[in-house]
C-alpha atoms as a PDB file:
ATOM      1  CA  MET A   1     -45.693  33.147  96.933  1.00  0.00           C
ATOM      2  CA  ALA A   2     -44.493  30.237  94.779  1.00  0.00           C
ATOM      3  CA  VAL A   3     -41.212  31.106  93.052  1.00  0.00           C
ATOM      4  CA  ARG A   4     -40.147  29.505  89.780  1.00  0.00           C
ATOM      5  CA  ILE A   5     -36.764  29.667  88.071  1.00  0.00           C
ATOM      6  CA  ARG A   6     -37.584  30.086  84.412  1.00  0.00           C
ATOM      7  CA  MET A   7     -36.578  31.870  81.232  1.00  0.00           C
ATOM      8  CA  LYS A   8     -37.690  35.334  80.213  1.00  0.00           C
ATOM      9  CA  LYS A   9     -37.632  35.849  76.448  1.00  0.00           C
ATOM     10  CA  MET A  10     -35.646  38.800  75.117  1.00  0.00           C
ATOM     11  CA  GLY A  11     -34.082  39.501  71.738  1.00  0.00           C
ATOM     12  CA  ARG A  12     -35.936  40.084  68.492  1.00  0.00           C
ATOM     13  CA  THR A  13     -37.710  38.131  65.779  1.00  0.00           C
ATOM     14  CA  HIS A  14     -35.651  35.136  64.591  1.00  0.00           C
ATOM     15  CA  ARG A  15     -32.913  36.025  67.108  1.00  0.00           C
ATOM     16  CA  PRO A  16     -33.997  34.724  70.526  1.00  0.00           C
ATOM     17  CA  PHE A  17     -32.150  35.447  73.750  1.00  0.00           C
ATOM     18  CA  TYR A  18     -33.279  34.411  77.213  1.00  0.00           C
ATOM     19  CA  ARG A  19     -32.604  35.516  80.772  1.00  0.00           C
ATOM     20  CA  VAL A  20     -32.789  32.877  83.473  1.00  0.00           C
ATOM     21  CA  VAL A  21     -34.758  34.519  86.282  1.00  0.00           C
ATOM     22  CA  ALA A  22     -36.497  33.870  89.559  1.00  0.00           C
ATOM     23  CA  MET A  23     -40.115  35.090  89.417  1.00  0.00           C
ATOM     24  CA  ASP A  24     -43.567  34.430  90.791  1.00  0.00           C
ATOM     25  CA  GLN A  25     -45.146  31.525  88.939  1.00  0.00           C
ATOM     26  CA  ARG A  26     -48.396  33.475  88.433  1.00  0.00           C
ATOM     27  CA  SER A  27     -46.686  36.332  86.563  1.00  0.00           C
ATOM     28  CA  PRO A  28     -46.553  36.346  82.747  1.00  0.00           C
ATOM     29  CA  ARG A  29     -43.474  35.055  80.880  1.00  0.00           C
ATOM     30  CA  ASP A  30     -41.976  38.494  80.347  1.00  0.00           C
ATOM     31  CA  GLY A  31     -43.384  40.003  83.541  1.00  0.00           C
ATOM     32  CA  ARG A  32     -41.833  41.401  86.697  1.00  0.00           C
ATOM     33  CA  VAL A  33     -38.695  39.597  87.892  1.00  0.00           C
ATOM     34  CA  ILE A  34     -37.520  39.000  91.449  1.00  0.00           C
ATOM     35  CA  GLU A  35     -33.893  38.379  90.437  1.00  0.00           C
ATOM     36  CA  GLU A  36     -31.889  37.670  87.271  1.00  0.00           C
ATOM     37  CA  LEU A  37     -29.797  34.518  87.626  1.00  0.00           C
ATOM     38  CA  GLY A  38     -28.104  34.184  84.228  1.00  0.00           C
ATOM     39  CA  THR A  39     -28.513  34.095  80.464  1.00  0.00           C
ATOM     40  CA  TYR A  40     -29.109  31.565  77.691  1.00  0.00           C
ATOM     41  CA  ASP A  41     -28.252  32.381  74.071  1.00  0.00           C
ATOM     42  CA  PRO A  42     -29.379  29.574  71.724  1.00  0.00           C
ATOM     43  CA  MET A  43     -27.778  31.314  68.717  1.00  0.00           C
ATOM     44  CA  CYS A  44     -24.218  31.005  70.090  1.00  0.00           C
ATOM     45  CA  PRO A  45     -22.064  28.821  67.779  1.00  0.00           C
ATOM     46  CA  GLU A  46     -20.356  27.059  70.718  1.00  0.00           C
ATOM     47  CA  THR A  47     -22.959  24.806  72.353  1.00  0.00           C
ATOM     48  CA  ASP A  48     -21.325  24.764  75.777  1.00  0.00           C
ATOM     49  CA  ALA A  49     -20.864  28.550  75.838  1.00  0.00           C
ATOM     50  CA  ARG A  50     -24.578  29.278  75.482  1.00  0.00           C
ATOM     51  CA  VAL A  51     -25.358  29.408  79.199  1.00  0.00           C
ATOM     52  CA  ASN A  52     -24.015  31.753  81.885  1.00  0.00           C
ATOM     53  CA  LEU A  53     -25.413  31.206  85.378  1.00  0.00           C
ATOM     54  CA  LYS A  54     -24.776  32.843  88.747  1.00  0.00           C
ATOM     55  CA  GLY A  55     -24.267  29.542  90.533  1.00  0.00           C
ATOM     56  CA  GLU A  56     -24.426  30.814  94.110  1.00  0.00           C
ATOM     57  CA  ARG A  57     -27.708  32.640  93.517  1.00  0.00           C
ATOM     58  CA  VAL A  58     -29.255  29.646  91.738  1.00  0.00           C
ATOM     59  CA  ASP A  59     -28.289  27.461  94.711  1.00  0.00           C
ATOM     60  CA  TYR A  60     -29.827  29.990  97.094  1.00  0.00           C
ATOM     61  CA  TRP A  61     -33.157  30.022  95.272  1.00  0.00           C
ATOM     62  CA  LEU A  62     -33.228  26.244  95.083  1.00  0.00           C
ATOM     63  CA  SER A  63     -32.501  26.049  98.832  1.00  0.00           C
ATOM     64  CA  VAL A  64     -35.475  28.281  99.692  1.00  0.00           C
ATOM     65  CA  GLY A  65     -37.851  26.184  97.592  1.00  0.00           C
ATOM     66  CA  ALA A  66     -37.901  27.709  94.112  1.00  0.00           C
ATOM     67  CA  GLN A  67     -38.840  25.178  91.428  1.00  0.00           C
ATOM     68  CA  PRO A  68     -36.995  25.266  88.073  1.00  0.00           C
ATOM     69  CA  THR A  69     -38.863  24.635  84.826  1.00  0.00           C
ATOM     70  CA  ASP A  70     -37.896  21.552  82.829  1.00  0.00           C
ATOM     71  CA  LYS A  71     -35.515  23.340  80.448  1.00  0.00           C
ATOM     72  CA  VAL A  72     -33.905  25.416  83.221  1.00  0.00           C
ATOM     73  CA  GLY A  73     -33.534  22.276  85.320  1.00  0.00           C
ATOM     74  CA  VAL A  74     -31.454  20.698  82.548  1.00  0.00           C
ATOM     75  CA  LEU A  75     -29.329  23.857  82.270  1.00  0.00           C
ATOM     76  CA  ILE A  76     -28.735  23.923  86.030  1.00  0.00           C
ATOM     77  CA  LYS A  77     -27.795  20.227  85.992  1.00  0.00           C
ATOM     78  CA  LYS A  78     -25.225  20.846  83.228  1.00  0.00           C
ATOM     79  CA  TYR A  79     -23.896  24.324  84.082  1.00  0.00           C
ATOM     80  CA  GLY A  80     -24.765  24.913  87.762  1.00  0.00           C
ATOM     81  CA  THR A  81     -22.158  24.980  90.547  1.00  0.00           C
ATOM     82  CA  GLU A  82     -21.688  21.192  90.407  1.00  0.00           C
ATOM     83  CA  GLY A  83     -22.590  20.799  86.732  1.00  0.00           C
ATOM     84  CA  THR A  84     -21.508  17.978  84.464  1.00  0.00           C
ATOM     85  CA  HIS A  85     -20.365  20.225  81.578  1.00  0.00           C
ATOM     86  CA  LEU A  86     -18.341  22.890  83.419  1.00  0.00           C
ATOM     87  CA  GLU A  87     -14.967  21.924  81.900  1.00  0.00           C
ATOM     88  CA  ALA A  88     -16.456  21.878  78.408  1.00  0.00           C
ATOM     89  CA  GLN A  89     -18.014  25.287  79.101  1.00  0.00           C
ATOM     90  CA  LYS A  90     -14.644  26.799  80.079  1.00  0.00           C
ATOM     91  CA  ALA A  91     -13.001  25.372  76.950  1.00  0.00           C
ATOM     92  CA  ALA A  92     -15.806  26.717  74.751  1.00  0.00           C
ATOM     93  CA  MET A  93     -15.499  30.180  76.314  1.00  0.00           C
ATOM     94  CA  GLU A  94     -11.754  30.179  75.584  1.00  0.00           C
ATOM     95  CA  ARG A  95     -12.383  29.195  71.955  1.00  0.00           C
ATOM     96  CA  LEU A  96     -14.884  32.030  71.598  1.00  0.00           C
ATOM     97  CA  GLY A  97     -12.359  34.469  73.045  1.00  0.00           C
ATOM     98  CA  LYS A  98      -9.691  33.346  70.592  1.00  0.00           C
ATOM     99  CA  ARG A  99     -12.133  33.635  67.709  1.00  0.00           C
ATOM    100  CA  LYS A 100     -12.621  37.327  68.482  1.00  0.00           C
ATOM    101  CA  GLN A 101      -8.898  37.829  68.984  1.00  0.00           C
ATOM    102  CA  TYR A 102      -7.889  36.394  65.590  1.00  0.00           C
ATOM    103  CA  THR A 103     -10.354  38.167  63.346  1.00  0.00           C
ATOM    104  CA  PRO A 104      -8.271  39.604  60.518  1.00  0.00           C
ATOM    105  CA  ALA A 105      -8.108  43.333  60.008  1.00  0.00           C
ATOM    106  CA  PRO A 106      -9.625  44.636  56.796  1.00  0.00           C
ATOM    107  CA  PRO A 107      -7.013  44.997  54.027  1.00  0.00           C
ATOM    108  CA  GLU A 108      -5.598  48.459  53.558  1.00  0.00           C
ATOM    109  CA  PRO A 109      -6.209  50.053  50.170  1.00  0.00           C
ATOM    110  CA  ALA A 110      -3.150  50.142  47.879  1.00  0.00           C
ATOM    111  CA  LYS A 111      -1.425  53.502  47.922  1.00  0.00           C
ATOM    112  CA  PRO A 112      -0.410  54.850  44.507  1.00  0.00           C
ATOM    113  CA  LYS A 113       3.351  55.243  44.144  1.00  0.00           C
ATOM    114  CA  LYS A 114       4.665  58.686  43.354  1.00  0.00           C
ATOM    115  CA  GLU A 115       6.743  58.809  40.194  1.00  0.00           C
ATOM    116  CA  GLU A 116      10.193  60.236  40.723  1.00  0.00           C
ATOM    117  CA  PRO A 117      11.435  62.921  38.343  1.00  0.00           C
ATOM    118  CA  LYS A 118      13.857  61.652  35.705  1.00  0.00           C
ATOM    119  CA  ALA A 119      16.522  64.208  36.648  1.00  0.00           C
ATOM    120  CA  GLU A 120      17.016  62.566  40.044  1.00  0.00           C
ATOM    121  CA  ALA A 121      17.071  59.047  38.612  1.00  0.00           C
ATOM    122  CA  ALA A 122      20.017  59.794  36.267  1.00  0.00           C
ATOM    123  CA  PRO A 123      22.748  60.273  38.955  1.00  0.00           C
ATOM    124  CA  GLU A 124      21.758  57.025  40.655  1.00  0.00           C
ATOM    125  CA  ALA A 125      22.444  54.907  37.562  1.00  0.00           C
ATOM    126  CA  PRO A 126      26.227  55.541  37.440  1.00  0.00           C
ATOM    127  CA  ALA A 127      26.521  54.837  41.165  1.00  0.00           C
ATOM    128  CA  GLU A 128      24.918  51.443  40.647  1.00  0.00           C
ATOM    129  CA  GLU A 129      27.302  50.648  37.773  1.00  0.00           C
ATOM    130  CA  ALA A 130      30.317  51.640  39.873  1.00  0.00           C
ATOM    131  CA  ALA A 131      29.182  49.389  42.724  1.00  0.00           C
ATOM    132  CA  ALA A 132      28.778  46.500  40.285  1.00  0.00           C
ATOM    133  CA  ALA A 133      32.262  47.150  38.826  1.00  0.00           C
ATOM    134  CA  GLU A 134      33.842  47.078  42.306  1.00  0.00           C
ATOM    135  CA  ALA A 135      32.085  43.812  43.181  1.00  0.00           C
ATOM    136  CA  ALA A 136      33.264  42.070  39.987  1.00  0.00           C
ATOM    137  CA  PRO A 137      37.065  42.221  40.710  1.00  0.00           C
ATOM    138  CA  ALA A 138      36.493  41.077  44.281  1.00  0.00           C
ATOM    139  CA  GLU A 139      34.709  37.981  43.002  1.00  0.00           C
ATOM    140  CA  GLU A 140      37.576  37.154  40.615  1.00  0.00           C
ATOM    141  CA  THR A 141      40.190  37.320  43.368  1.00  0.00           C
ATOM    142  CA  ALA A 142      38.122  35.145  45.652  1.00  0.00           C
ATOM    143  CA  SER A 143      37.854  32.428  42.987  1.00  0.00           C
ATOM    144  CA  GLU A 144      41.668  32.273  42.388  1.00  0.00           C
END
């Protein structure tokens, strides 16, 4: 059996998502899979965070003679175990994590204030005037 490492299309219309899989080359694109090796999400806003591969398993399948397709070969070259874009991928994953962490909470609706009865407000007014009267002489003595 000739094994290929290729992409299996998932997702929905206008929102593609792919699984990187090892499968028999004679099986249809979305047919039976031998093993899932990772994912590829072309809709991800961070270019380097689009691919997630199980590096050890990809290396195993390559060592036993599995042939990657052209597109998967490029992804393995960039994001495999010895890929050229691994540092950029880690940085992009961190930026995506921070983006989720800093999403603002929806604003809370304004609560209506309860009006206080006028009878309670009257005793407070003289107390405020008395406090102001006590503060005024203290200011005059400090200035002399």
